[in-house]
Structure formats: structure tokens, C-alpha cells
PDBML (XML) file of the C-alpha atoms, coordinates in Angstrom:
<?xml version="1.0" encoding="UTF-8" ?>
<PDBx:datablock datablockName="MODEL"
   xmlns:PDBx="http://pdbml.pdb.org/schema/pdbx-v50.xsd"
   xmlns:xsi="http://www.w3.org/2001/XMLSchema-instance"
   xsi:schemaLocation="http://pdbml.pdb.org/schema/pdbx-v50.xsd pdbx-v50.xsd">
   <PDBx:atom_siteCategory>
      <PDBx:atom_site id="1">
         <PDBx:B_iso_or_equiv>0.00</PDBx:B_iso_or_equiv>
         <PDBx:Cartn_x>8.265</PDBx:Cartn_x>
         <PDBx:Cartn_y>-7.663</PDBx:Cartn_y>
         <PDBx:Cartn_z>5.393</PDBx:Cartn_z>
         <PDBx:auth_asym_id>A</PDBx:auth_asym_id>
         <PDBx:auth_atom_id>CA</PDBx:auth_atom_id>
         <PDBx:auth_comp_id>LEU</PDBx:auth_comp_id>
         <PDBx:auth_seq_id>1</PDBx:auth_seq_id>
         <PDBx:group_PDB>ATOM</PDBx:group_PDB>
         <PDBx:label_alt_id xsi:nil="true" />
         <PDBx:label_asym_id>A</PDBx:label_asym_id>
         <PDBx:label_atom_id>CA</PDBx:label_atom_id>
         <PDBx:label_comp_id>LEU</PDBx:label_comp_id>
         <PDBx:label_entity_id>1</PDBx:label_entity_id>
         <PDBx:label_seq_id>1</PDBx:label_seq_id>
         <PDBx:occupancy>1.00</PDBx:occupancy>
         <PDBx:pdbx_PDB_model_num>1</PDBx:pdbx_PDB_model_num>
         <PDBx:type_symbol>C</PDBx:type_symbol>
      </PDBx:atom_site>
      <PDBx:atom_site id="2">
         <PDBx:B_iso_or_equiv>0.00</PDBx:B_iso_or_equiv>
         <PDBx:Cartn_x>5.477</PDBx:Cartn_x>
         <PDBx:Cartn_y>-8.672</PDBx:Cartn_y>
         <PDBx:Cartn_z>3.112</PDBx:Cartn_z>
         <PDBx:auth_asym_id>A</PDBx:auth_asym_id>
         <PDBx:auth_atom_id>CA</PDBx:auth_atom_id>
         <PDBx:auth_comp_id>VAL</PDBx:auth_comp_id>
         <PDBx:auth_seq_id>2</PDBx:auth_seq_id>
         <PDBx:group_PDB>ATOM</PDBx:group_PDB>
         <PDBx:label_alt_id xsi:nil="true" />
         <PDBx:label_asym_id>A</PDBx:label_asym_id>
         <PDBx:label_atom_id>CA</PDBx:label_atom_id>
         <PDBx:label_comp_id>VAL</PDBx:label_comp_id>
         <PDBx:label_entity_id>1</PDBx:label_entity_id>
         <PDBx:label_seq_id>2</PDBx:label_seq_id>
         <PDBx:occupancy>1.00</PDBx:occupancy>
         <PDBx:pdbx_PDB_model_num>1</PDBx:pdbx_PDB_model_num>
         <PDBx:type_symbol>C</PDBx:type_symbol>
      </PDBx:atom_site>
      <PDBx:atom_site id="3">
         <PDBx:B_iso_or_equiv>0.00</PDBx:B_iso_or_equiv>
         <PDBx:Cartn_x>2.735</PDBx:Cartn_x>
         <PDBx:Cartn_y>-8.492</PDBx:Cartn_y>
         <PDBx:Cartn_z>5.626</PDBx:Cartn_z>
         <PDBx:auth_asym_id>A</PDBx:auth_asym_id>
         <PDBx:auth_atom_id>CA</PDBx:auth_atom_id>
         <PDBx:auth_comp_id>TYR</PDBx:auth_comp_id>
         <PDBx:auth_seq_id>3</PDBx:auth_seq_id>
         <PDBx:group_PDB>ATOM</PDBx:group_PDB>
         <PDBx:label_alt_id xsi:nil="true" />
         <PDBx:label_asym_id>A</PDBx:label_asym_id>
         <PDBx:label_atom_id>CA</PDBx:label_atom_id>
         <PDBx:label_comp_id>TYR</PDBx:label_comp_id>
         <PDBx:label_entity_id>1</PDBx:label_entity_id>
         <PDBx:label_seq_id>3</PDBx:label_seq_id>
         <PDBx:occupancy>1.00</PDBx:occupancy>
         <PDBx:pdbx_PDB_model_num>1</PDBx:pdbx_PDB_model_num>
         <PDBx:type_symbol>C</PDBx:type_symbol>
      </PDBx:atom_site>
      <PDBx:atom_site id="4">
         <PDBx:B_iso_or_equiv>0.00</PDBx:B_iso_or_equiv>
         <PDBx:Cartn_x>3.921</PDBx:Cartn_x>
         <PDBx:Cartn_y>-5.104</PDBx:Cartn_y>
         <PDBx:Cartn_z>7.255</PDBx:Cartn_z>
         <PDBx:auth_asym_id>A</PDBx:auth_asym_id>
         <PDBx:auth_atom_id>CA</PDBx:auth_atom_id>
         <PDBx:auth_comp_id>TRP</PDBx:auth_comp_id>
         <PDBx:auth_seq_id>4</PDBx:auth_seq_id>
         <PDBx:group_PDB>ATOM</PDBx:group_PDB>
         <PDBx:label_alt_id xsi:nil="true" />
         <PDBx:label_asym_id>A</PDBx:label_asym_id>
         <PDBx:label_atom_id>CA</PDBx:label_atom_id>
         <PDBx:label_comp_id>TRP</PDBx:label_comp_id>
         <PDBx:label_entity_id>1</PDBx:label_entity_id>
         <PDBx:label_seq_id>4</PDBx:label_seq_id>
         <PDBx:occupancy>1.00</PDBx:occupancy>
         <PDBx:pdbx_PDB_model_num>1</PDBx:pdbx_PDB_model_num>
         <PDBx:type_symbol>C</PDBx:type_symbol>
      </PDBx:atom_site>
      <PDBx:atom_site id="5">
         <PDBx:B_iso_or_equiv>0.00</PDBx:B_iso_or_equiv>
         <PDBx:Cartn_x>4.379</PDBx:Cartn_x>
         <PDBx:Cartn_y>-3.392</PDBx:Cartn_y>
         <PDBx:Cartn_z>3.859</PDBx:Cartn_z>
         <PDBx:auth_asym_id>A</PDBx:auth_asym_id>
         <PDBx:auth_atom_id>CA</PDBx:auth_atom_id>
         <PDBx:auth_comp_id>SER</PDBx:auth_comp_id>
         <PDBx:auth_seq_id>5</PDBx:auth_seq_id>
         <PDBx:group_PDB>ATOM</PDBx:group_PDB>
         <PDBx:label_alt_id xsi:nil="true" />
         <PDBx:label_asym_id>A</PDBx:label_asym_id>
         <PDBx:label_atom_id>CA</PDBx:label_atom_id>
         <PDBx:label_comp_id>SER</PDBx:label_comp_id>
         <PDBx:label_entity_id>1</PDBx:label_entity_id>
         <PDBx:label_seq_id>5</PDBx:label_seq_id>
         <PDBx:occupancy>1.00</PDBx:occupancy>
         <PDBx:pdbx_PDB_model_num>1</PDBx:pdbx_PDB_model_num>
         <PDBx:type_symbol>C</PDBx:type_symbol>
      </PDBx:atom_site>
      <PDBx:atom_site id="6">
         <PDBx:B_iso_or_equiv>0.00</PDBx:B_iso_or_equiv>
         <PDBx:Cartn_x>0.975</PDBx:Cartn_x>
         <PDBx:Cartn_y>-4.555</PDBx:Cartn_y>
         <PDBx:Cartn_z>3.007</PDBx:Cartn_z>
         <PDBx:auth_asym_id>A</PDBx:auth_asym_id>
         <PDBx:auth_atom_id>CA</PDBx:auth_atom_id>
         <PDBx:auth_comp_id>GLN</PDBx:auth_comp_id>
         <PDBx:auth_seq_id>6</PDBx:auth_seq_id>
         <PDBx:group_PDB>ATOM</PDBx:group_PDB>
         <PDBx:label_alt_id xsi:nil="true" />
         <PDBx:label_asym_id>A</PDBx:label_asym_id>
         <PDBx:label_atom_id>CA</PDBx:label_atom_id>
         <PDBx:label_comp_id>GLN</PDBx:label_comp_id>
         <PDBx:label_entity_id>1</PDBx:label_entity_id>
         <PDBx:label_seq_id>6</PDBx:label_seq_id>
         <PDBx:occupancy>1.00</PDBx:occupancy>
         <PDBx:pdbx_PDB_model_num>1</PDBx:pdbx_PDB_model_num>
         <PDBx:type_symbol>C</PDBx:type_symbol>
      </PDBx:atom_site>
      <PDBx:atom_site id="7">
         <PDBx:B_iso_or_equiv>0.00</PDBx:B_iso_or_equiv>
         <PDBx:Cartn_x>-0.527</PDBx:Cartn_x>
         <PDBx:Cartn_y>-3.550</PDBx:Cartn_y>
         <PDBx:Cartn_z>6.260</PDBx:Cartn_z>
         <PDBx:auth_asym_id>A</PDBx:auth_asym_id>
         <PDBx:auth_atom_id>CA</PDBx:auth_atom_id>
         <PDBx:auth_comp_id>ARG</PDBx:auth_comp_id>
         <PDBx:auth_seq_id>7</PDBx:auth_seq_id>
         <PDBx:group_PDB>ATOM</PDBx:group_PDB>
         <PDBx:label_alt_id xsi:nil="true" />
         <PDBx:label_asym_id>A</PDBx:label_asym_id>
         <PDBx:label_atom_id>CA</PDBx:label_atom_id>
         <PDBx:label_comp_id>ARG</PDBx:label_comp_id>
         <PDBx:label_entity_id>1</PDBx:label_entity_id>
         <PDBx:label_seq_id>7</PDBx:label_seq_id>
         <PDBx:occupancy>1.00</PDBx:occupancy>
         <PDBx:pdbx_PDB_model_num>1</PDBx:pdbx_PDB_model_num>
         <PDBx:type_symbol>C</PDBx:type_symbol>
      </PDBx:atom_site>
      <PDBx:atom_site id="8">
         <PDBx:B_iso_or_equiv>0.00</PDBx:B_iso_or_equiv>
         <PDBx:Cartn_x>1.155</PDBx:Cartn_x>
         <PDBx:Cartn_y>-0.150</PDBx:Cartn_y>
         <PDBx:Cartn_z>5.968</PDBx:Cartn_z>
         <PDBx:auth_asym_id>A</PDBx:auth_asym_id>
         <PDBx:auth_atom_id>CA</PDBx:auth_atom_id>
         <PDBx:auth_comp_id>ASN</PDBx:auth_comp_id>
         <PDBx:auth_seq_id>8</PDBx:auth_seq_id>
         <PDBx:group_PDB>ATOM</PDBx:group_PDB>
         <PDBx:label_alt_id xsi:nil="true" />
         <PDBx:label_asym_id>A</PDBx:label_asym_id>
         <PDBx:label_atom_id>CA</PDBx:label_atom_id>
         <PDBx:label_comp_id>ASN</PDBx:label_comp_id>
         <PDBx:label_entity_id>1</PDBx:label_entity_id>
         <PDBx:label_seq_id>8</PDBx:label_seq_id>
         <PDBx:occupancy>1.00</PDBx:occupancy>
         <PDBx:pdbx_PDB_model_num>1</PDBx:pdbx_PDB_model_num>
         <PDBx:type_symbol>C</PDBx:type_symbol>
      </PDBx:atom_site>
      <PDBx:atom_site id="9">
         <PDBx:B_iso_or_equiv>0.00</PDBx:B_iso_or_equiv>
         <PDBx:Cartn_x>-0.281</PDBx:Cartn_x>
         <PDBx:Cartn_y>0.415</PDBx:Cartn_y>
         <PDBx:Cartn_z>2.506</PDBx:Cartn_z>
         <PDBx:auth_asym_id>A</PDBx:auth_asym_id>
         <PDBx:auth_atom_id>CA</PDBx:auth_atom_id>
         <PDBx:auth_comp_id>SER</PDBx:auth_comp_id>
         <PDBx:auth_seq_id>9</PDBx:auth_seq_id>
         <PDBx:group_PDB>ATOM</PDBx:group_PDB>
         <PDBx:label_alt_id xsi:nil="true" />
         <PDBx:label_asym_id>A</PDBx:label_asym_id>
         <PDBx:label_atom_id>CA</PDBx:label_atom_id>
         <PDBx:label_comp_id>SER</PDBx:label_comp_id>
         <PDBx:label_entity_id>1</PDBx:label_entity_id>
         <PDBx:label_seq_id>9</PDBx:label_seq_id>
         <PDBx:occupancy>1.00</PDBx:occupancy>
         <PDBx:pdbx_PDB_model_num>1</PDBx:pdbx_PDB_model_num>
         <PDBx:type_symbol>C</PDBx:type_symbol>
      </PDBx:atom_site>
      <PDBx:atom_site id="10">
         <PDBx:B_iso_or_equiv>0.00</PDBx:B_iso_or_equiv>
         <PDBx:Cartn_x>-3.968</PDBx:Cartn_x>
         <PDBx:Cartn_y>-0.155</PDBx:Cartn_y>
         <PDBx:Cartn_z>4.035</PDBx:Cartn_z>
         <PDBx:auth_asym_id>A</PDBx:auth_asym_id>
         <PDBx:auth_atom_id>CA</PDBx:auth_atom_id>
         <PDBx:auth_comp_id>ARG</PDBx:auth_comp_id>
         <PDBx:auth_seq_id>10</PDBx:auth_seq_id>
         <PDBx:group_PDB>ATOM</PDBx:group_PDB>
         <PDBx:label_alt_id xsi:nil="true" />
         <PDBx:label_asym_id>A</PDBx:label_asym_id>
         <PDBx:label_atom_id>CA</PDBx:label_atom_id>
         <PDBx:label_comp_id>ARG</PDBx:label_comp_id>
         <PDBx:label_entity_id>1</PDBx:label_entity_id>
         <PDBx:label_seq_id>10</PDBx:label_seq_id>
         <PDBx:occupancy>1.00</PDBx:occupancy>
         <PDBx:pdbx_PDB_model_num>1</PDBx:pdbx_PDB_model_num>
         <PDBx:type_symbol>C</PDBx:type_symbol>
      </PDBx:atom_site>
      <PDBx:atom_site id="11">
         <PDBx:B_iso_or_equiv>0.00</PDBx:B_iso_or_equiv>
         <PDBx:Cartn_x>-3.164</PDBx:Cartn_x>
         <PDBx:Cartn_y>3.137</PDBx:Cartn_y>
         <PDBx:Cartn_z>6.047</PDBx:Cartn_z>
         <PDBx:auth_asym_id>A</PDBx:auth_asym_id>
         <PDBx:auth_atom_id>CA</PDBx:auth_atom_id>
         <PDBx:auth_comp_id>LEU</PDBx:auth_comp_id>
         <PDBx:auth_seq_id>11</PDBx:auth_seq_id>
         <PDBx:group_PDB>ATOM</PDBx:group_PDB>
         <PDBx:label_alt_id xsi:nil="true" />
         <PDBx:label_asym_id>A</PDBx:label_asym_id>
         <PDBx:label_atom_id>CA</PDBx:label_atom_id>
         <PDBx:label_comp_id>LEU</PDBx:label_comp_id>
         <PDBx:label_entity_id>1</PDBx:label_entity_id>
         <PDBx:label_seq_id>11</PDBx:label_seq_id>
         <PDBx:occupancy>1.00</PDBx:occupancy>
         <PDBx:pdbx_PDB_model_num>1</PDBx:pdbx_PDB_model_num>
         <PDBx:type_symbol>C</PDBx:type_symbol>
      </PDBx:atom_site>
      <PDBx:atom_site id="12">
         <PDBx:B_iso_or_equiv>0.00</PDBx:B_iso_or_equiv>
         <PDBx:Cartn_x>-3.442</PDBx:Cartn_x>
         <PDBx:Cartn_y>5.216</PDBx:Cartn_y>
         <PDBx:Cartn_z>2.820</PDBx:Cartn_z>
         <PDBx:auth_asym_id>A</PDBx:auth_asym_id>
         <PDBx:auth_atom_id>CA</PDBx:auth_atom_id>
         <PDBx:auth_comp_id>TYR</PDBx:auth_comp_id>
         <PDBx:auth_seq_id>12</PDBx:auth_seq_id>
         <PDBx:group_PDB>ATOM</PDBx:group_PDB>
         <PDBx:label_alt_id xsi:nil="true" />
         <PDBx:label_asym_id>A</PDBx:label_asym_id>
         <PDBx:label_atom_id>CA</PDBx:label_atom_id>
         <PDBx:label_comp_id>TYR</PDBx:label_comp_id>
         <PDBx:label_entity_id>1</PDBx:label_entity_id>
         <PDBx:label_seq_id>12</PDBx:label_seq_id>
         <PDBx:occupancy>1.00</PDBx:occupancy>
         <PDBx:pdbx_PDB_model_num>1</PDBx:pdbx_PDB_model_num>
         <PDBx:type_symbol>C</PDBx:type_symbol>
      </PDBx:atom_site>
      <PDBx:atom_site id="13">
         <PDBx:B_iso_or_equiv>0.00</PDBx:B_iso_or_equiv>
         <PDBx:Cartn_x>-6.311</PDBx:Cartn_x>
         <PDBx:Cartn_y>5.851</PDBx:Cartn_y>
         <PDBx:Cartn_z>0.280</PDBx:Cartn_z>
         <PDBx:auth_asym_id>A</PDBx:auth_asym_id>
         <PDBx:auth_atom_id>CA</PDBx:auth_atom_id>
         <PDBx:auth_comp_id>SER</PDBx:auth_comp_id>
         <PDBx:auth_seq_id>13</PDBx:auth_seq_id>
         <PDBx:group_PDB>ATOM</PDBx:group_PDB>
         <PDBx:label_alt_id xsi:nil="true" />
         <PDBx:label_asym_id>A</PDBx:label_asym_id>
         <PDBx:label_atom_id>CA</PDBx:label_atom_id>
         <PDBx:label_comp_id>SER</PDBx:label_comp_id>
         <PDBx:label_entity_id>1</PDBx:label_entity_id>
         <PDBx:label_seq_id>13</PDBx:label_seq_id>
         <PDBx:occupancy>1.00</PDBx:occupancy>
         <PDBx:pdbx_PDB_model_num>1</PDBx:pdbx_PDB_model_num>
         <PDBx:type_symbol>C</PDBx:type_symbol>
      </PDBx:atom_site>
      <PDBx:atom_site id="14">
         <PDBx:B_iso_or_equiv>0.00</PDBx:B_iso_or_equiv>
         <PDBx:Cartn_x>-7.062</PDBx:Cartn_x>
         <PDBx:Cartn_y>7.269</PDBx:Cartn_y>
         <PDBx:Cartn_z>-3.175</PDBx:Cartn_z>
         <PDBx:auth_asym_id>A</PDBx:auth_asym_id>
         <PDBx:auth_atom_id>CA</PDBx:auth_atom_id>
         <PDBx:auth_comp_id>ASN</PDBx:auth_comp_id>
         <PDBx:auth_seq_id>14</PDBx:auth_seq_id>
         <PDBx:group_PDB>ATOM</PDBx:group_PDB>
         <PDBx:label_alt_id xsi:nil="true" />
         <PDBx:label_asym_id>A</PDBx:label_asym_id>
         <PDBx:label_atom_id>CA</PDBx:label_atom_id>
         <PDBx:label_comp_id>ASN</PDBx:label_comp_id>
         <PDBx:label_entity_id>1</PDBx:label_entity_id>
         <PDBx:label_seq_id>14</PDBx:label_seq_id>
         <PDBx:occupancy>1.00</PDBx:occupancy>
         <PDBx:pdbx_PDB_model_num>1</PDBx:pdbx_PDB_model_num>
         <PDBx:type_symbol>C</PDBx:type_symbol>
      </PDBx:atom_site>
      <PDBx:atom_site id="15">
         <PDBx:B_iso_or_equiv>0.00</PDBx:B_iso_or_equiv>
         <PDBx:Cartn_x>-4.082</PDBx:Cartn_x>
         <PDBx:Cartn_y>8.078</PDBx:Cartn_y>
         <PDBx:Cartn_z>-5.337</PDBx:Cartn_z>
         <PDBx:auth_asym_id>A</PDBx:auth_asym_id>
         <PDBx:auth_atom_id>CA</PDBx:auth_atom_id>
         <PDBx:auth_comp_id>ALA</PDBx:auth_comp_id>
         <PDBx:auth_seq_id>15</PDBx:auth_seq_id>
         <PDBx:group_PDB>ATOM</PDBx:group_PDB>
         <PDBx:label_alt_id xsi:nil="true" />
         <PDBx:label_asym_id>A</PDBx:label_asym_id>
         <PDBx:label_atom_id>CA</PDBx:label_atom_id>
         <PDBx:label_comp_id>ALA</PDBx:label_comp_id>
         <PDBx:label_entity_id>1</PDBx:label_entity_id>
         <PDBx:label_seq_id>15</PDBx:label_seq_id>
         <PDBx:occupancy>1.00</PDBx:occupancy>
         <PDBx:pdbx_PDB_model_num>1</PDBx:pdbx_PDB_model_num>
         <PDBx:type_symbol>C</PDBx:type_symbol>
      </PDBx:atom_site>
      <PDBx:atom_site id="16">
         <PDBx:B_iso_or_equiv>0.00</PDBx:B_iso_or_equiv>
         <PDBx:Cartn_x>-1.359</PDBx:Cartn_x>
         <PDBx:Cartn_y>6.902</PDBx:Cartn_y>
         <PDBx:Cartn_z>-2.858</PDBx:Cartn_z>
         <PDBx:auth_asym_id>A</PDBx:auth_asym_id>
         <PDBx:auth_atom_id>CA</PDBx:auth_atom_id>
         <PDBx:auth_comp_id>THR</PDBx:auth_comp_id>
         <PDBx:auth_seq_id>16</PDBx:auth_seq_id>
         <PDBx:group_PDB>ATOM</PDBx:group_PDB>
         <PDBx:label_alt_id xsi:nil="true" />
         <PDBx:label_asym_id>A</PDBx:label_asym_id>
         <PDBx:label_atom_id>CA</PDBx:label_atom_id>
         <PDBx:label_comp_id>THR</PDBx:label_comp_id>
         <PDBx:label_entity_id>1</PDBx:label_entity_id>
         <PDBx:label_seq_id>16</PDBx:label_seq_id>
         <PDBx:occupancy>1.00</PDBx:occupancy>
         <PDBx:pdbx_PDB_model_num>1</PDBx:pdbx_PDB_model_num>
         <PDBx:type_symbol>C</PDBx:type_symbol>
      </PDBx:atom_site>
      <PDBx:atom_site id="17">
         <PDBx:B_iso_or_equiv>0.00</PDBx:B_iso_or_equiv>
         <PDBx:Cartn_x>-3.100</PDBx:Cartn_x>
         <PDBx:Cartn_y>3.657</PDBx:Cartn_y>
         <PDBx:Cartn_z>-2.230</PDBx:Cartn_z>
         <PDBx:auth_asym_id>A</PDBx:auth_asym_id>
         <PDBx:auth_atom_id>CA</PDBx:auth_atom_id>
         <PDBx:auth_comp_id>SER</PDBx:auth_comp_id>
         <PDBx:auth_seq_id>17</PDBx:auth_seq_id>
         <PDBx:group_PDB>ATOM</PDBx:group_PDB>
         <PDBx:label_alt_id xsi:nil="true" />
         <PDBx:label_asym_id>A</PDBx:label_asym_id>
         <PDBx:label_atom_id>CA</PDBx:label_atom_id>
         <PDBx:label_comp_id>SER</PDBx:label_comp_id>
         <PDBx:label_entity_id>1</PDBx:label_entity_id>
         <PDBx:label_seq_id>17</PDBx:label_seq_id>
         <PDBx:occupancy>1.00</PDBx:occupancy>
         <PDBx:pdbx_PDB_model_num>1</PDBx:pdbx_PDB_model_num>
         <PDBx:type_symbol>C</PDBx:type_symbol>
      </PDBx:atom_site>
      <PDBx:atom_site id="18">
         <PDBx:B_iso_or_equiv>0.00</PDBx:B_iso_or_equiv>
         <PDBx:Cartn_x>-3.457</PDBx:Cartn_x>
         <PDBx:Cartn_y>2.999</PDBx:Cartn_y>
         <PDBx:Cartn_z>-6.034</PDBx:Cartn_z>
         <PDBx:auth_asym_id>A</PDBx:auth_asym_id>
         <PDBx:auth_atom_id>CA</PDBx:auth_atom_id>
         <PDBx:auth_comp_id>GLU</PDBx:auth_comp_id>
         <PDBx:auth_seq_id>18</PDBx:auth_seq_id>
         <PDBx:group_PDB>ATOM</PDBx:group_PDB>
         <PDBx:label_alt_id xsi:nil="true" />
         <PDBx:label_asym_id>A</PDBx:label_asym_id>
         <PDBx:label_atom_id>CA</PDBx:label_atom_id>
         <PDBx:label_comp_id>GLU</PDBx:label_comp_id>
         <PDBx:label_entity_id>1</PDBx:label_entity_id>
         <PDBx:label_seq_id>18</PDBx:label_seq_id>
         <PDBx:occupancy>1.00</PDBx:occupancy>
         <PDBx:pdbx_PDB_model_num>1</PDBx:pdbx_PDB_model_num>
         <PDBx:type_symbol>C</PDBx:type_symbol>
      </PDBx:atom_site>
      <PDBx:atom_site id="19">
         <PDBx:B_iso_or_equiv>0.00</PDBx:B_iso_or_equiv>
         <PDBx:Cartn_x>0.473</PDBx:Cartn_x>
         <PDBx:Cartn_y>3.779</PDBx:Cartn_y>
         <PDBx:Cartn_z>-6.561</PDBx:Cartn_z>
         <PDBx:auth_asym_id>A</PDBx:auth_asym_id>
         <PDBx:auth_atom_id>CA</PDBx:auth_atom_id>
         <PDBx:auth_comp_id>ALA</PDBx:auth_comp_id>
         <PDBx:auth_seq_id>19</PDBx:auth_seq_id>
         <PDBx:group_PDB>ATOM</PDBx:group_PDB>
         <PDBx:label_alt_id xsi:nil="true" />
         <PDBx:label_asym_id>A</PDBx:label_asym_id>
         <PDBx:label_atom_id>CA</PDBx:label_atom_id>
         <PDBx:label_comp_id>ALA</PDBx:label_comp_id>
         <PDBx:label_entity_id>1</PDBx:label_entity_id>
         <PDBx:label_seq_id>19</PDBx:label_seq_id>
         <PDBx:occupancy>1.00</PDBx:occupancy>
         <PDBx:pdbx_PDB_model_num>1</PDBx:pdbx_PDB_model_num>
         <PDBx:type_symbol>C</PDBx:type_symbol>
      </PDBx:atom_site>
      <PDBx:atom_site id="20">
         <PDBx:B_iso_or_equiv>0.00</PDBx:B_iso_or_equiv>
         <PDBx:Cartn_x>1.179</PDBx:Cartn_x>
         <PDBx:Cartn_y>1.353</PDBx:Cartn_y>
         <PDBx:Cartn_z>-3.670</PDBx:Cartn_z>
         <PDBx:auth_asym_id>A</PDBx:auth_asym_id>
         <PDBx:auth_atom_id>CA</PDBx:auth_atom_id>
         <PDBx:auth_comp_id>LEU</PDBx:auth_comp_id>
         <PDBx:auth_seq_id>20</PDBx:auth_seq_id>
         <PDBx:group_PDB>ATOM</PDBx:group_PDB>
         <PDBx:label_alt_id xsi:nil="true" />
         <PDBx:label_asym_id>A</PDBx:label_asym_id>
         <PDBx:label_atom_id>CA</PDBx:label_atom_id>
         <PDBx:label_comp_id>LEU</PDBx:label_comp_id>
         <PDBx:label_entity_id>1</PDBx:label_entity_id>
         <PDBx:label_seq_id>20</PDBx:label_seq_id>
         <PDBx:occupancy>1.00</PDBx:occupancy>
         <PDBx:pdbx_PDB_model_num>1</PDBx:pdbx_PDB_model_num>
         <PDBx:type_symbol>C</PDBx:type_symbol>
      </PDBx:atom_site>
      <PDBx:atom_site id="21">
         <PDBx:B_iso_or_equiv>0.00</PDBx:B_iso_or_equiv>
         <PDBx:Cartn_x>-0.823</PDBx:Cartn_x>
         <PDBx:Cartn_y>-1.515</PDBx:Cartn_y>
         <PDBx:Cartn_z>-5.267</PDBx:Cartn_z>
         <PDBx:auth_asym_id>A</PDBx:auth_asym_id>
         <PDBx:auth_atom_id>CA</PDBx:auth_atom_id>
         <PDBx:auth_comp_id>LYS</PDBx:auth_comp_id>
         <PDBx:auth_seq_id>21</PDBx:auth_seq_id>
         <PDBx:group_PDB>ATOM</PDBx:group_PDB>
         <PDBx:label_alt_id xsi:nil="true" />
         <PDBx:label_asym_id>A</PDBx:label_asym_id>
         <PDBx:label_atom_id>CA</PDBx:label_atom_id>
         <PDBx:label_comp_id>LYS</PDBx:label_comp_id>
         <PDBx:label_entity_id>1</PDBx:label_entity_id>
         <PDBx:label_seq_id>21</PDBx:label_seq_id>
         <PDBx:occupancy>1.00</PDBx:occupancy>
         <PDBx:pdbx_PDB_model_num>1</PDBx:pdbx_PDB_model_num>
         <PDBx:type_symbol>C</PDBx:type_symbol>
      </PDBx:atom_site>
      <PDBx:atom_site id="22">
         <PDBx:B_iso_or_equiv>0.00</PDBx:B_iso_or_equiv>
         <PDBx:Cartn_x>0.842</PDBx:Cartn_x>
         <PDBx:Cartn_y>-0.629</PDBx:Cartn_y>
         <PDBx:Cartn_z>-8.659</PDBx:Cartn_z>
         <PDBx:auth_asym_id>A</PDBx:auth_asym_id>
         <PDBx:auth_atom_id>CA</PDBx:auth_atom_id>
         <PDBx:auth_comp_id>LYS</PDBx:auth_comp_id>
         <PDBx:auth_seq_id>22</PDBx:auth_seq_id>
         <PDBx:group_PDB>ATOM</PDBx:group_PDB>
         <PDBx:label_alt_id xsi:nil="true" />
         <PDBx:label_asym_id>A</PDBx:label_asym_id>
         <PDBx:label_atom_id>CA</PDBx:label_atom_id>
         <PDBx:label_comp_id>LYS</PDBx:label_comp_id>
         <PDBx:label_entity_id>1</PDBx:label_entity_id>
         <PDBx:label_seq_id>22</PDBx:label_seq_id>
         <PDBx:occupancy>1.00</PDBx:occupancy>
         <PDBx:pdbx_PDB_model_num>1</PDBx:pdbx_PDB_model_num>
         <PDBx:type_symbol>C</PDBx:type_symbol>
      </PDBx:atom_site>
      <PDBx:atom_site id="23">
         <PDBx:B_iso_or_equiv>0.00</PDBx:B_iso_or_equiv>
         <PDBx:Cartn_x>4.411</PDBx:Cartn_x>
         <PDBx:Cartn_y>-0.874</PDBx:Cartn_y>
         <PDBx:Cartn_z>-7.195</PDBx:Cartn_z>
         <PDBx:auth_asym_id>A</PDBx:auth_asym_id>
         <PDBx:auth_atom_id>CA</PDBx:auth_atom_id>
         <PDBx:auth_comp_id>GLN</PDBx:auth_comp_id>
         <PDBx:auth_seq_id>23</PDBx:auth_seq_id>
         <PDBx:group_PDB>ATOM</PDBx:group_PDB>
         <PDBx:label_alt_id xsi:nil="true" />
         <PDBx:label_asym_id>A</PDBx:label_asym_id>
         <PDBx:label_atom_id>CA</PDBx:label_atom_id>
         <PDBx:label_comp_id>GLN</PDBx:label_comp_id>
         <PDBx:label_entity_id>1</PDBx:label_entity_id>
         <PDBx:label_seq_id>23</PDBx:label_seq_id>
         <PDBx:occupancy>1.00</PDBx:occupancy>
         <PDBx:pdbx_PDB_model_num>1</PDBx:pdbx_PDB_model_num>
         <PDBx:type_symbol>C</PDBx:type_symbol>
      </PDBx:atom_site>
      <PDBx:atom_site id="24">
         <PDBx:B_iso_or_equiv>0.00</PDBx:B_iso_or_equiv>
         <PDBx:Cartn_x>3.764</PDBx:Cartn_x>
         <PDBx:Cartn_y>-3.906</PDBx:Cartn_y>
         <PDBx:Cartn_z>-5.182</PDBx:Cartn_z>
         <PDBx:auth_asym_id>A</PDBx:auth_asym_id>
         <PDBx:auth_atom_id>CA</PDBx:auth_atom_id>
         <PDBx:auth_comp_id>SER</PDBx:auth_comp_id>
         <PDBx:auth_seq_id>24</PDBx:auth_seq_id>
         <PDBx:group_PDB>ATOM</PDBx:group_PDB>
         <PDBx:label_alt_id xsi:nil="true" />
         <PDBx:label_asym_id>A</PDBx:label_asym_id>
         <PDBx:label_atom_id>CA</PDBx:label_atom_id>
         <PDBx:label_comp_id>SER</PDBx:label_comp_id>
         <PDBx:label_entity_id>1</PDBx:label_entity_id>
         <PDBx:label_seq_id>24</PDBx:label_seq_id>
         <PDBx:occupancy>1.00</PDBx:occupancy>
         <PDBx:pdbx_PDB_model_num>1</PDBx:pdbx_PDB_model_num>
         <PDBx:type_symbol>C</PDBx:type_symbol>
      </PDBx:atom_site>
   </PDBx:atom_siteCategory>
</PDBx:datablock>
């Protein structure tokens, strides 16, 4: 799940990407 959640997060940019990183 760690690999897949991080990979999925890369598909987004800007505000969404920042929020995803903030929420691990």
C-alpha cells in the first residue's frame, strides 16, 4: 500500500499534490 499510495499521489499536481504529501 505504501508503494501504490505514493505512486497514485504522483498523478496529481499543485494543491492536490501538496495536500497528499502533507497527509502522508
